[in-house]
Protein backbone atom coordinates (compact mmCIF):
# COMPACT_ATOMS: atom_id res chain seq x y z
CA UNK A 1 -7.71 18.55 2.91
CA UNK A 2 -4.13 17.92 3.86
CA UNK A 3 -2.96 14.83 5.70
CA UNK A 4 -3.42 15.17 9.43
CA UNK A 5 -6.56 17.28 9.10
CA UNK A 6 -8.82 14.25 8.82
CA UNK A 7 -8.72 13.37 12.51
CA UNK A 8 -11.85 15.27 13.56
CA UNK A 9 -13.75 14.09 10.49
CA UNK A 10 -12.56 10.53 11.11
CA UNK A 11 -13.67 10.62 14.74
CA UNK A 12 -17.10 11.86 13.67
CA UNK A 13 -17.42 9.22 10.92
CA UNK A 14 -16.37 6.43 13.30
CA UNK A 15 -18.93 7.61 15.89
CA UNK A 16 -21.67 7.72 13.24
CA UNK A 17 -20.70 4.26 11.96
CA UNK A 18 -20.80 2.87 15.49
CA UNK A 19 -24.31 4.33 15.80
CA UNK A 20 -25.42 2.27 12.81
CA UNK A 21 -24.96 4.77 9.97
CA UNK A 22 -23.39 2.51 7.30
CA UNK A 23 -22.77 5.46 4.97
CA UNK A 24 -20.32 6.86 7.52
CA UNK A 25 -18.06 3.82 7.16
CA UNK A 26 -18.48 3.99 3.38
CA UNK A 27 -17.17 7.55 3.61
CA UNK A 28 -14.06 6.28 5.44
CA UNK A 29 -13.57 3.60 2.78
CA UNK A 30 -13.72 6.18 -0.02
CA UNK A 31 -11.39 8.48 1.89
CA UNK A 32 -8.70 5.86 2.46
CA UNK A 33 -9.08 3.34 -0.35
CA UNK A 34 -6.13 4.66 -2.34
CA UNK A 35 -3.70 4.81 0.57
CA UNK A 36 -4.82 1.40 1.86
CA UNK A 37 -4.20 -0.10 -1.57
CA UNK A 38 -0.81 1.64 -1.78
CA UNK A 39 0.28 0.18 1.56
CA UNK A 40 -0.88 -3.30 0.55
CA UNK A 41 0.83 -3.00 -2.84
CA UNK A 42 4.02 -1.83 -1.18
CA UNK A 43 4.10 -4.93 1.02
CA UNK A 44 2.91 -7.44 -1.58
CA UNK A 45 4.18 -6.11 -4.90
CA UNK A 46 1.18 -7.57 -6.73
CA UNK A 47 -1.92 -5.56 -7.56
CA UNK A 48 -4.37 -8.47 -7.27
CA UNK A 49 -3.00 -9.47 -3.88
CA UNK A 50 -3.12 -5.82 -2.84
CA UNK A 51 -6.79 -5.68 -3.87
CA UNK A 52 -7.49 -8.71 -1.68
CA UNK A 53 -5.53 -7.30 1.26
CA UNK A 54 -7.32 -3.95 0.94
CA UNK A 55 -10.73 -5.56 0.93
CA UNK A 56 -9.77 -7.74 3.89
CA UNK A 57 -8.44 -4.73 5.81
CA UNK A 58 -11.68 -2.80 5.38
CA UNK A 59 -13.73 -5.84 6.40
CA UNK A 60 -11.59 -6.32 9.51
CA UNK A 61 -11.86 -2.62 10.33
CA UNK A 62 -15.64 -2.76 9.95
CA UNK A 63 -15.93 -5.85 12.14
CA UNK A 64 -13.60 -4.46 14.82
CA UNK A 65 -14.57 -0.81 14.68
CA UNK A 66 -15.41 -0.81 18.38
CA UNK A 67 -11.78 -1.76 19.06
CA UNK A 68 -10.51 1.50 17.55
CA UNK A 69 -9.48 3.19 20.80
CA UNK A 70 -8.69 6.56 19.24
CA UNK A 71 -11.22 7.29 16.49
CA UNK A 72 -9.35 10.49 15.61
CA UNK A 73 -6.45 8.21 14.61
CA UNK A 74 -8.60 5.89 12.52
CA UNK A 75 -6.28 6.23 9.52
CA UNK A 76 -3.24 4.96 11.42
CA UNK A 77 -5.28 2.13 12.92
CA UNK A 78 -6.61 1.15 9.48
CA UNK A 79 -3.17 1.24 7.89
CA UNK A 80 -1.76 -1.01 10.62
CA UNK A 81 -4.55 -3.49 9.90
CA UNK A 82 -3.69 -3.23 6.21
CA UNK A 83 0.01 -3.86 6.76
CA UNK A 84 -0.70 -6.82 9.04
CA UNK A 85 -3.14 -8.35 6.56
CA UNK A 86 -0.70 -7.79 3.67
CA UNK A 87 2.12 -9.42 5.63
CA UNK A 88 -0.16 -12.39 6.37
CA UNK A 89 -0.95 -12.75 2.66
CA UNK A 90 2.74 -12.43 1.78
CA UNK A 91 3.61 -15.15 4.28
CA UNK A 92 0.85 -17.37 2.91
CA UNK A 93 2.12 -16.80 -0.65
CA UNK A 94 5.74 -17.56 0.32
CA UNK A 95 4.73 -20.86 1.85
CA UNK A 96 2.63 -21.91 -1.14
CA UNK A 97 4.58 -20.33 -4.01
CA UNK A 98 6.12 -22.46 -6.66
CA UNK A 99 8.10 -21.24 -9.60
CA UNK A 100 6.79 -22.43 -12.99
CA UNK A 101 9.38 -24.35 -14.98
CA UNK A 102 9.19 -21.96 -17.90
CA UNK A 103 9.42 -18.77 -15.84
CA UNK A 104 12.95 -18.04 -17.00
CA UNK A 105 12.03 -18.65 -20.62
CA UNK A 106 9.15 -16.23 -20.90
CA UNK A 107 9.77 -13.06 -22.83
CA UNK A 108 8.17 -9.76 -21.96
CA UNK A 109 4.58 -9.44 -23.13
CA UNK A 110 4.02 -6.47 -25.42
CA UNK A 111 0.62 -4.94 -24.83
CA UNK A 112 -0.52 -2.58 -27.59
CA UNK A 113 -1.79 -0.12 -25.01
CA UNK A 114 1.19 1.88 -23.76
CA UNK A 115 -0.43 2.64 -20.43
CA UNK A 116 -0.84 -1.10 -19.74
CA UNK A 117 2.79 -1.75 -20.64
CA UNK A 118 3.94 1.10 -18.42
CA UNK A 119 1.80 -0.24 -15.57
CA UNK A 120 3.37 -3.68 -16.01
CA UNK A 121 6.88 -2.24 -16.08
CA UNK A 122 6.28 -0.17 -12.96
CA UNK A 123 4.66 -3.07 -11.09
CA UNK A 124 7.54 -5.37 -12.01
CA UNK A 125 10.10 -2.74 -11.07
CA UNK A 126 8.39 -1.93 -7.78
CA UNK A 127 8.34 -5.64 -6.93
CA UNK A 128 12.14 -5.64 -7.07
CA UNK A 129 12.43 -3.10 -4.26
CA UNK A 130 12.70 -4.13 -0.64
CA UNK A 131 9.20 -4.09 0.90
CA UNK A 132 9.97 -1.16 3.20
CA UNK A 133 11.41 0.85 0.29
CA UNK A 134 8.35 0.10 -1.84
CA UNK A 135 6.04 1.11 1.00
CA UNK A 136 7.82 4.40 1.68
CA UNK A 137 8.05 5.24 -2.03
CA UNK A 138 4.34 4.65 -2.63
CA UNK A 139 3.22 6.39 0.54
CA UNK A 140 5.39 9.45 -0.07
CA UNK A 141 5.39 9.85 -3.84
CA UNK A 142 1.97 8.45 -4.68
CA UNK A 143 -0.03 9.33 -1.58
CA UNK A 144 1.91 12.44 -0.52
CA UNK A 145 2.25 11.39 3.10
CA UNK A 146 4.86 13.31 5.11
CA UNK A 147 7.86 11.44 6.49
CA UNK A 148 6.63 11.84 10.08
CA UNK A 149 3.44 9.93 9.27
CA UNK A 150 5.29 7.30 7.22
CA UNK A 151 7.79 6.80 10.04
CA UNK A 152 4.95 6.14 12.47
CA UNK A 153 3.38 3.62 10.08
CA UNK A 154 6.58 1.67 9.54
CA UNK A 155 7.75 1.96 13.16
CA UNK A 156 10.86 3.88 12.21
CA UNK A 157 12.35 7.35 12.40
CA UNK A 158 11.78 10.17 9.93
CA UNK A 159 15.45 9.95 9.01
CA UNK A 160 15.08 6.26 8.11
CA UNK A 161 11.94 7.04 6.13
CA UNK A 162 13.92 9.59 4.12
CA UNK A 163 16.78 7.11 3.64
CA UNK A 164 14.40 4.39 2.44
CA UNK A 165 12.85 6.86 -0.02
CA UNK A 166 16.26 7.93 -1.34
CA UNK A 167 17.36 4.31 -1.79
CA UNK A 168 14.06 3.34 -3.41
CA UNK A 169 14.25 6.18 -5.94
CA UNK A 170 17.87 5.33 -6.75
CA UNK A 171 17.01 1.66 -7.29
CA UNK A 172 13.95 2.54 -9.41
CA UNK A 173 16.12 4.75 -11.65
CA UNK A 174 18.59 1.88 -12.10
CA UNK A 175 15.91 -0.66 -12.88
CA UNK A 176 13.96 1.63 -15.21
CA UNK A 177 17.11 2.59 -17.11
CA UNK A 178 17.81 -1.12 -17.69
CA UNK A 179 14.30 -1.53 -19.03
CA UNK A 180 14.84 1.42 -21.37
CA UNK A 181 17.99 -0.22 -22.71
CA UNK A 182 16.09 -3.46 -23.41
CA UNK A 183 13.28 -1.76 -25.35
């Protein structure tokens, strides 16, 4: 199914979940787990924190399911919860973060598995983007969301969504080319 065609299925799943059918909410979790994680990762830049934010977002959605005024727009409602939870975690981390004394002295870890190294490089590179750029890049390129939907999620225009994507891709190319030079 394409994005935007879930609304009727979402409304039905929300209604079933509200009637006590737990598997209906599980279906929504499976449907949106990837995009929820992508939004959290875009805001936080750390996969473990994104895992926590994703789990929290689904728990909040489950607990407040009756507050979802438009069940056909469950996805948008869930993604707003995710962004809010991720921003809360980011704020918490900023307040409590401390930089280890040896952070500038550490060299890059070389993992024998190339996929792990690539994952580390991409995570590090994504973390260097502005949060809105990271979010738009992941939502568009990883999740395939159209700019209209992204714009609604980030409270912006489609034009700004496109601009953020263009800037994010440009910055990623710069950062990845630097990494290639260091290897």
